[in-house]
N, C-alpha and C. Protein backbone atom coordinates (compact mmCIF):
# COMPACT_ATOMS: atom_id res chain seq x y z
N GLN A 1 -64.92 -185.34 -140.83
CA GLN A 1 -65.14 -184.36 -140.42
C GLN A 1 -64.13 -183.61 -140.37
N VAL A 2 -63.85 -182.28 -141.10
CA VAL A 2 -62.48 -181.61 -141.04
C VAL A 2 -62.41 -180.54 -139.50
N GLN A 3 -61.53 -180.60 -138.96
CA GLN A 3 -61.19 -180.47 -137.81
C GLN A 3 -59.91 -179.18 -137.52
N LEU A 4 -60.25 -177.38 -137.12
CA LEU A 4 -58.94 -177.33 -136.87
C LEU A 4 -58.67 -176.92 -135.84
N VAL A 5 -57.75 -176.91 -134.99
CA VAL A 5 -57.27 -176.44 -133.98
C VAL A 5 -56.13 -175.24 -133.98
N GLU A 6 -56.32 -173.89 -133.32
CA GLU A 6 -55.08 -173.09 -133.59
C GLU A 6 -54.71 -172.69 -132.20
N SER A 7 -53.84 -172.61 -131.61
CA SER A 7 -52.59 -172.61 -130.58
C SER A 7 -52.08 -171.38 -130.43
N GLY A 8 -51.21 -171.42 -129.54
CA GLY A 8 -49.55 -170.20 -129.13
C GLY A 8 -50.13 -169.29 -128.99
N GLY A 9 -51.07 -169.03 -128.95
CA GLY A 9 -51.94 -167.35 -128.36
C GLY A 9 -51.24 -166.85 -127.20
N GLY A 10 -51.63 -166.12 -126.53
CA GLY A 10 -51.42 -165.35 -125.55
C GLY A 10 -51.19 -163.87 -125.38
N LEU A 11 -50.90 -163.44 -124.33
CA LEU A 11 -50.65 -161.77 -123.44
C LEU A 11 -49.31 -161.79 -123.81
N VAL A 12 -48.90 -160.46 -124.65
CA VAL A 12 -47.49 -160.48 -125.02
C VAL A 12 -47.50 -158.96 -124.50
N GLN A 13 -46.08 -158.23 -124.19
CA GLN A 13 -46.26 -157.17 -124.58
C GLN A 13 -45.67 -155.99 -125.85
N PRO A 14 -46.12 -155.22 -126.18
CA PRO A 14 -45.94 -154.22 -127.32
C PRO A 14 -44.27 -154.42 -127.85
N GLY A 15 -44.16 -155.11 -129.16
CA GLY A 15 -42.75 -155.64 -129.57
C GLY A 15 -42.27 -156.78 -129.62
N GLY A 16 -43.04 -157.38 -129.10
CA GLY A 16 -42.92 -159.47 -128.89
C GLY A 16 -43.14 -160.07 -130.10
N SER A 17 -43.12 -161.14 -129.57
CA SER A 17 -43.28 -162.37 -130.70
C SER A 17 -44.18 -163.50 -130.36
N LEU A 18 -44.56 -163.80 -131.17
CA LEU A 18 -45.98 -165.31 -130.67
C LEU A 18 -45.75 -166.76 -131.84
N ARG A 19 -45.73 -167.24 -132.23
CA ARG A 19 -45.84 -168.24 -132.96
C ARG A 19 -47.13 -169.36 -132.47
N LEU A 20 -48.10 -169.06 -134.21
CA LEU A 20 -49.43 -169.45 -133.64
C LEU A 20 -49.37 -170.73 -134.41
N SER A 21 -49.81 -172.21 -134.13
CA SER A 21 -50.01 -172.92 -135.02
C SER A 21 -51.40 -173.45 -135.07
N CYS A 22 -51.46 -174.13 -136.60
CA CYS A 22 -52.97 -174.38 -136.68
C CYS A 22 -53.08 -175.85 -137.19
N ALA A 23 -53.59 -176.92 -136.64
CA ALA A 23 -53.22 -178.32 -136.75
C ALA A 23 -54.58 -178.32 -137.77
N ALA A 24 -54.57 -179.01 -138.75
CA ALA A 24 -55.77 -179.51 -139.40
C ALA A 24 -56.09 -181.46 -139.52
N SER A 25 -57.12 -181.94 -139.74
CA SER A 25 -57.05 -182.90 -139.47
C SER A 25 -58.94 -183.53 -139.99
N GLY A 26 -58.53 -184.68 -140.53
CA GLY A 26 -59.81 -185.17 -141.46
C GLY A 26 -59.93 -184.39 -142.73
N THR A 27 -59.08 -183.93 -143.63
CA THR A 27 -58.89 -183.77 -144.64
C THR A 27 -57.96 -183.66 -145.11
N ILE A 28 -57.90 -183.79 -146.67
CA ILE A 28 -56.03 -183.35 -147.59
C ILE A 28 -56.14 -182.23 -147.81
N PHE A 29 -55.18 -181.62 -146.63
CA PHE A 29 -54.22 -180.48 -146.12
C PHE A 29 -53.47 -179.68 -147.27
N ARG A 30 -52.73 -180.54 -147.68
CA ARG A 30 -51.86 -180.66 -148.65
C ARG A 30 -51.94 -179.76 -150.05
N ASN A 31 -53.25 -180.15 -150.04
CA ASN A 31 -53.99 -179.52 -151.94
C ASN A 31 -54.12 -178.03 -151.37
N ARG A 32 -54.30 -177.30 -150.29
CA ARG A 32 -55.28 -176.58 -150.20
C ARG A 32 -54.44 -175.28 -149.81
N ASN A 33 -55.07 -173.37 -150.60
CA ASN A 33 -54.16 -172.71 -150.10
C ASN A 33 -54.82 -172.07 -148.50
N MET A 34 -53.85 -172.16 -147.87
CA MET A 34 -54.53 -171.68 -146.48
C MET A 34 -54.14 -170.54 -146.34
N GLY A 35 -54.66 -170.13 -145.16
CA GLY A 35 -54.77 -168.80 -144.52
C GLY A 35 -54.72 -168.55 -143.45
N TRP A 36 -54.62 -167.20 -142.76
CA TRP A 36 -54.61 -166.90 -140.81
C TRP A 36 -55.34 -165.63 -141.32
N PHE A 37 -55.93 -165.48 -140.20
CA PHE A 37 -57.43 -164.48 -140.10
C PHE A 37 -57.35 -164.20 -138.95
N ARG A 38 -58.22 -162.93 -138.40
CA ARG A 38 -58.29 -162.59 -137.70
C ARG A 38 -59.83 -161.93 -137.28
N GLN A 39 -59.85 -161.79 -135.91
CA GLN A 39 -61.62 -160.83 -135.52
C GLN A 39 -61.10 -160.07 -134.14
N ALA A 40 -61.03 -158.61 -134.39
CA ALA A 40 -61.18 -157.94 -132.73
C ALA A 40 -62.43 -157.92 -132.68
N PRO A 41 -62.31 -157.78 -131.16
CA PRO A 41 -64.02 -156.90 -130.61
C PRO A 41 -64.46 -156.21 -131.57
N GLY A 42 -65.98 -156.39 -132.39
CA GLY A 42 -66.63 -155.59 -132.36
C GLY A 42 -66.40 -155.16 -134.12
N LYS A 43 -65.66 -156.09 -134.62
CA LYS A 43 -64.84 -155.91 -136.11
C LYS A 43 -65.15 -157.34 -136.75
N GLN A 44 -65.00 -157.52 -137.74
CA GLN A 44 -65.96 -158.39 -138.87
C GLN A 44 -64.23 -159.31 -139.01
N ARG A 45 -64.27 -160.19 -139.31
CA ARG A 45 -63.01 -161.11 -139.24
C ARG A 45 -62.19 -161.14 -141.19
N ASP A 46 -61.03 -160.68 -140.82
CA ASP A 46 -60.13 -160.61 -142.00
C ASP A 46 -58.81 -161.42 -142.41
N GLY A 47 -58.54 -161.78 -143.51
CA GLY A 47 -57.38 -162.16 -143.23
C GLY A 47 -56.30 -161.57 -143.74
N VAL A 48 -55.01 -162.08 -143.01
CA VAL A 48 -53.23 -161.20 -143.04
C VAL A 48 -52.41 -161.74 -143.13
N ALA A 49 -52.56 -163.05 -143.85
CA ALA A 49 -51.81 -163.97 -144.47
C ALA A 49 -52.14 -165.38 -145.44
N ARG A 50 -51.30 -165.53 -146.48
CA ARG A 50 -52.07 -166.11 -147.19
C ARG A 50 -51.01 -167.34 -147.95
N ILE A 51 -51.23 -168.24 -148.18
CA ILE A 51 -49.59 -169.74 -148.16
C ILE A 51 -50.28 -170.30 -149.41
N GLY A 52 -49.34 -170.81 -150.26
CA GLY A 52 -49.96 -171.47 -151.36
C GLY A 52 -49.52 -173.14 -150.91
N SER A 53 -50.52 -174.22 -151.62
CA SER A 53 -50.34 -175.50 -150.93
C SER A 53 -48.94 -175.83 -150.79
N ASN A 54 -47.81 -175.32 -151.73
CA ASN A 54 -46.43 -176.18 -151.61
C ASN A 54 -45.75 -175.24 -150.40
N GLY A 55 -46.36 -174.17 -150.04
CA GLY A 55 -45.82 -173.33 -149.38
C GLY A 55 -44.93 -172.14 -150.56
N ASP A 56 -45.20 -172.34 -151.98
CA ASP A 56 -43.85 -171.56 -152.31
C ASP A 56 -44.75 -170.02 -152.48
N THR A 57 -45.42 -169.76 -152.45
CA THR A 57 -46.09 -168.38 -152.69
C THR A 57 -46.82 -167.86 -150.99
N THR A 58 -46.35 -166.78 -150.65
CA THR A 58 -46.81 -166.26 -149.56
C THR A 58 -47.93 -164.77 -149.77
N ASN A 59 -48.70 -164.37 -148.71
CA ASN A 59 -49.31 -162.64 -149.19
C ASN A 59 -49.68 -162.24 -148.05
N TYR A 60 -49.50 -161.65 -147.47
CA TYR A 60 -49.86 -160.68 -146.60
C TYR A 60 -50.39 -159.23 -146.56
N ALA A 61 -51.39 -159.26 -145.59
CA ALA A 61 -51.91 -157.84 -145.84
C ALA A 61 -50.94 -156.52 -144.88
N ASP A 62 -51.33 -155.80 -145.47
CA ASP A 62 -50.29 -154.28 -145.37
C ASP A 62 -49.90 -154.11 -144.01
N SER A 63 -51.09 -154.39 -142.95
CA SER A 63 -50.76 -154.38 -141.82
C SER A 63 -49.86 -154.78 -141.37
N VAL A 64 -49.79 -156.01 -141.87
CA VAL A 64 -48.88 -156.84 -141.01
C VAL A 64 -47.36 -157.16 -141.71
N LYS A 65 -47.79 -156.68 -142.92
CA LYS A 65 -46.12 -156.73 -144.06
C LYS A 65 -45.12 -156.61 -143.25
N GLY A 66 -44.09 -157.36 -143.36
CA GLY A 66 -42.62 -157.68 -142.77
C GLY A 66 -42.50 -157.34 -141.48
N ARG A 67 -43.79 -157.56 -140.54
CA ARG A 67 -43.07 -158.27 -139.27
C ARG A 67 -43.96 -159.60 -138.77
N PHE A 68 -45.29 -160.42 -139.95
CA PHE A 68 -46.33 -161.71 -139.74
C PHE A 68 -45.23 -162.40 -141.07
N THR A 69 -45.22 -163.77 -140.48
CA THR A 69 -44.53 -164.88 -141.77
C THR A 69 -45.30 -165.74 -141.45
N ILE A 70 -46.24 -166.63 -142.47
CA ILE A 70 -46.82 -167.86 -142.44
C ILE A 70 -46.08 -168.69 -143.36
N SER A 71 -46.34 -170.07 -142.88
CA SER A 71 -45.45 -171.06 -143.20
C SER A 71 -46.02 -172.36 -142.85
N ARG A 72 -45.75 -173.08 -143.57
CA ARG A 72 -46.29 -174.47 -143.58
C ARG A 72 -45.68 -175.74 -143.32
N ASP A 73 -46.49 -177.09 -142.67
CA ASP A 73 -45.55 -178.49 -143.13
C ASP A 73 -46.42 -179.08 -143.63
N ASN A 74 -47.17 -179.68 -144.48
CA ASN A 74 -47.71 -180.32 -145.12
C ASN A 74 -47.98 -181.55 -144.79
N ALA A 75 -47.08 -182.26 -144.02
CA ALA A 75 -46.53 -183.68 -143.37
C ALA A 75 -47.18 -183.63 -141.72
N LYS A 76 -47.14 -182.15 -141.29
CA LYS A 76 -48.19 -182.57 -140.55
C LYS A 76 -49.40 -181.76 -140.58
N SER A 77 -49.71 -181.53 -141.64
CA SER A 77 -51.34 -180.72 -142.01
C SER A 77 -51.05 -179.45 -140.93
N THR A 78 -50.24 -178.88 -140.85
CA THR A 78 -50.15 -177.98 -140.30
C THR A 78 -49.80 -176.21 -140.69
N VAL A 79 -50.30 -175.04 -140.32
CA VAL A 79 -49.63 -174.03 -140.70
C VAL A 79 -49.27 -172.70 -139.82
N TYR A 80 -48.75 -172.23 -140.12
CA TYR A 80 -48.02 -171.60 -138.62
C TYR A 80 -48.10 -170.20 -139.54
N LEU A 81 -47.88 -169.04 -138.04
CA LEU A 81 -48.14 -167.81 -137.69
C LEU A 81 -47.07 -166.85 -137.02
N GLN A 82 -45.89 -166.41 -137.56
CA GLN A 82 -44.75 -165.93 -137.04
C GLN A 82 -44.57 -164.57 -136.92
N MET A 83 -45.47 -164.39 -135.29
CA MET A 83 -45.86 -162.68 -135.56
C MET A 83 -44.78 -162.24 -134.74
N ASN A 84 -44.09 -160.97 -135.08
CA ASN A 84 -42.94 -160.57 -134.69
C ASN A 84 -43.95 -159.05 -134.54
N SER A 85 -43.01 -158.33 -133.59
CA SER A 85 -42.80 -156.19 -133.35
C SER A 85 -44.45 -156.41 -133.59
N LEU A 86 -45.47 -157.06 -132.24
CA LEU A 86 -46.73 -157.02 -131.85
C LEU A 86 -47.10 -155.62 -131.59
N LYS A 87 -48.16 -155.25 -132.39
CA LYS A 87 -48.59 -154.13 -131.90
C LYS A 87 -50.04 -154.40 -130.65
N PRO A 88 -50.23 -153.34 -130.06
CA PRO A 88 -51.90 -153.34 -129.64
C PRO A 88 -52.68 -153.48 -131.12
N GLY A 89 -52.93 -153.31 -131.56
CA GLY A 89 -53.93 -153.13 -132.98
C GLY A 89 -53.61 -154.81 -133.35
N ASP A 90 -52.89 -155.65 -132.96
CA ASP A 90 -53.08 -156.84 -133.23
C ASP A 90 -53.52 -157.81 -132.50
N THR A 91 -54.19 -157.22 -131.62
CA THR A 91 -54.80 -158.12 -131.00
C THR A 91 -55.89 -158.41 -131.16
N ALA A 92 -56.56 -159.85 -131.44
CA ALA A 92 -57.62 -160.29 -131.91
C ALA A 92 -57.52 -161.67 -131.47
N VAL A 93 -58.49 -162.44 -132.07
CA VAL A 93 -58.66 -163.59 -131.96
C VAL A 93 -58.47 -164.45 -133.39
N TYR A 94 -57.19 -165.35 -133.77
CA TYR A 94 -56.47 -165.38 -134.74
C TYR A 94 -57.48 -167.24 -135.21
N TYR A 95 -57.63 -167.06 -136.78
CA TYR A 95 -58.11 -168.27 -136.98
C TYR A 95 -57.55 -168.81 -138.52
N CYS A 96 -56.96 -170.08 -138.55
CA CYS A 96 -56.98 -170.14 -139.45
C CYS A 96 -57.90 -171.03 -141.00
N ASN A 97 -58.32 -171.02 -141.88
CA ASN A 97 -58.64 -172.01 -142.98
C ASN A 97 -58.58 -171.78 -144.60
N VAL A 98 -58.98 -172.48 -145.12
CA VAL A 98 -58.48 -172.45 -146.36
C VAL A 98 -58.77 -171.19 -147.08
N MET A 99 -58.02 -170.81 -147.99
CA MET A 99 -58.53 -169.44 -148.82
C MET A 99 -59.27 -169.37 -149.98
N THR A 100 -59.25 -170.69 -150.39
CA THR A 100 -60.27 -170.47 -151.97
C THR A 100 -61.09 -171.86 -151.64
N GLY A 101 -62.72 -171.87 -152.28
CA GLY A 101 -63.34 -172.57 -152.16
C GLY A 101 -64.12 -172.57 -150.50
N ASN A 102 -65.14 -173.36 -150.78
CA ASN A 102 -65.84 -173.60 -149.46
C ASN A 102 -64.98 -173.34 -148.60
N ARG A 103 -65.10 -172.99 -147.18
CA ARG A 103 -64.26 -172.45 -145.56
C ARG A 103 -64.67 -173.87 -145.34
N TRP A 104 -63.52 -174.80 -144.88
CA TRP A 104 -64.07 -175.86 -143.40
C TRP A 104 -64.71 -175.12 -142.15
N PRO A 105 -64.94 -175.97 -141.16
CA PRO A 105 -65.65 -175.36 -140.23
C PRO A 105 -64.57 -174.75 -139.23
N TRP A 106 -64.67 -173.03 -139.04
CA TRP A 106 -64.41 -172.52 -138.10
C TRP A 106 -63.44 -173.42 -136.95
N GLY A 107 -62.15 -173.14 -136.35
CA GLY A 107 -61.66 -174.01 -135.00
C GLY A 107 -62.18 -172.78 -133.92
N GLN A 108 -61.98 -172.81 -132.94
CA GLN A 108 -62.27 -172.23 -131.89
C GLN A 108 -60.95 -170.90 -131.70
N GLY A 109 -59.98 -171.09 -132.39
CA GLY A 109 -58.94 -169.60 -132.20
C GLY A 109 -58.42 -169.51 -131.20
N THR A 110 -57.31 -168.74 -131.19
CA THR A 110 -56.16 -168.37 -130.51
C THR A 110 -56.05 -166.91 -130.26
N GLN A 111 -56.76 -166.33 -128.84
CA GLN A 111 -56.59 -165.42 -128.59
C GLN A 111 -54.98 -164.54 -128.50
N VAL A 112 -55.04 -163.51 -129.30
CA VAL A 112 -53.72 -162.60 -128.93
C VAL A 112 -53.82 -161.51 -128.34
N THR A 113 -52.86 -161.21 -127.34
CA THR A 113 -53.61 -159.63 -126.29
C THR A 113 -51.94 -159.00 -126.58
N VAL A 114 -51.83 -157.80 -127.06
CA VAL A 114 -50.91 -157.18 -126.85
C VAL A 114 -51.31 -156.08 -126.20
N SER A 115 -50.34 -156.06 -125.22
CA SER A 115 -51.02 -155.05 -124.10
C SER A 115 -49.41 -155.14 -122.93
N SER A 116 -49.33 -153.45 -123.06
CA SER A 116 -48.28 -152.99 -121.50
C SER A 116 -48.84 -153.26 -120.09
């Protein structure tokens, strides 16, 4: 049974930073392209960043480019999202999952709230 556990969210002021983590278990993590997604209230879940299976390629949504950095540690089956210069528009629940093929079961996500 695949399990994804996201953590690291919280309340932060505009301009602040957070580092999210997503640990995967019950699966072979290192072979999969991974991504971070977010879902704001009343909106669909959208991808914000993706990373290749060995970490050599990354892509970002235009809305986060230059502010967010995705990385991974295959030895720990964990993917990270460093978020800098946060804006109120980044407020959402953040999730990780595979980027290609059938999605794994979604985790509970981690809430990020950017507010003064």
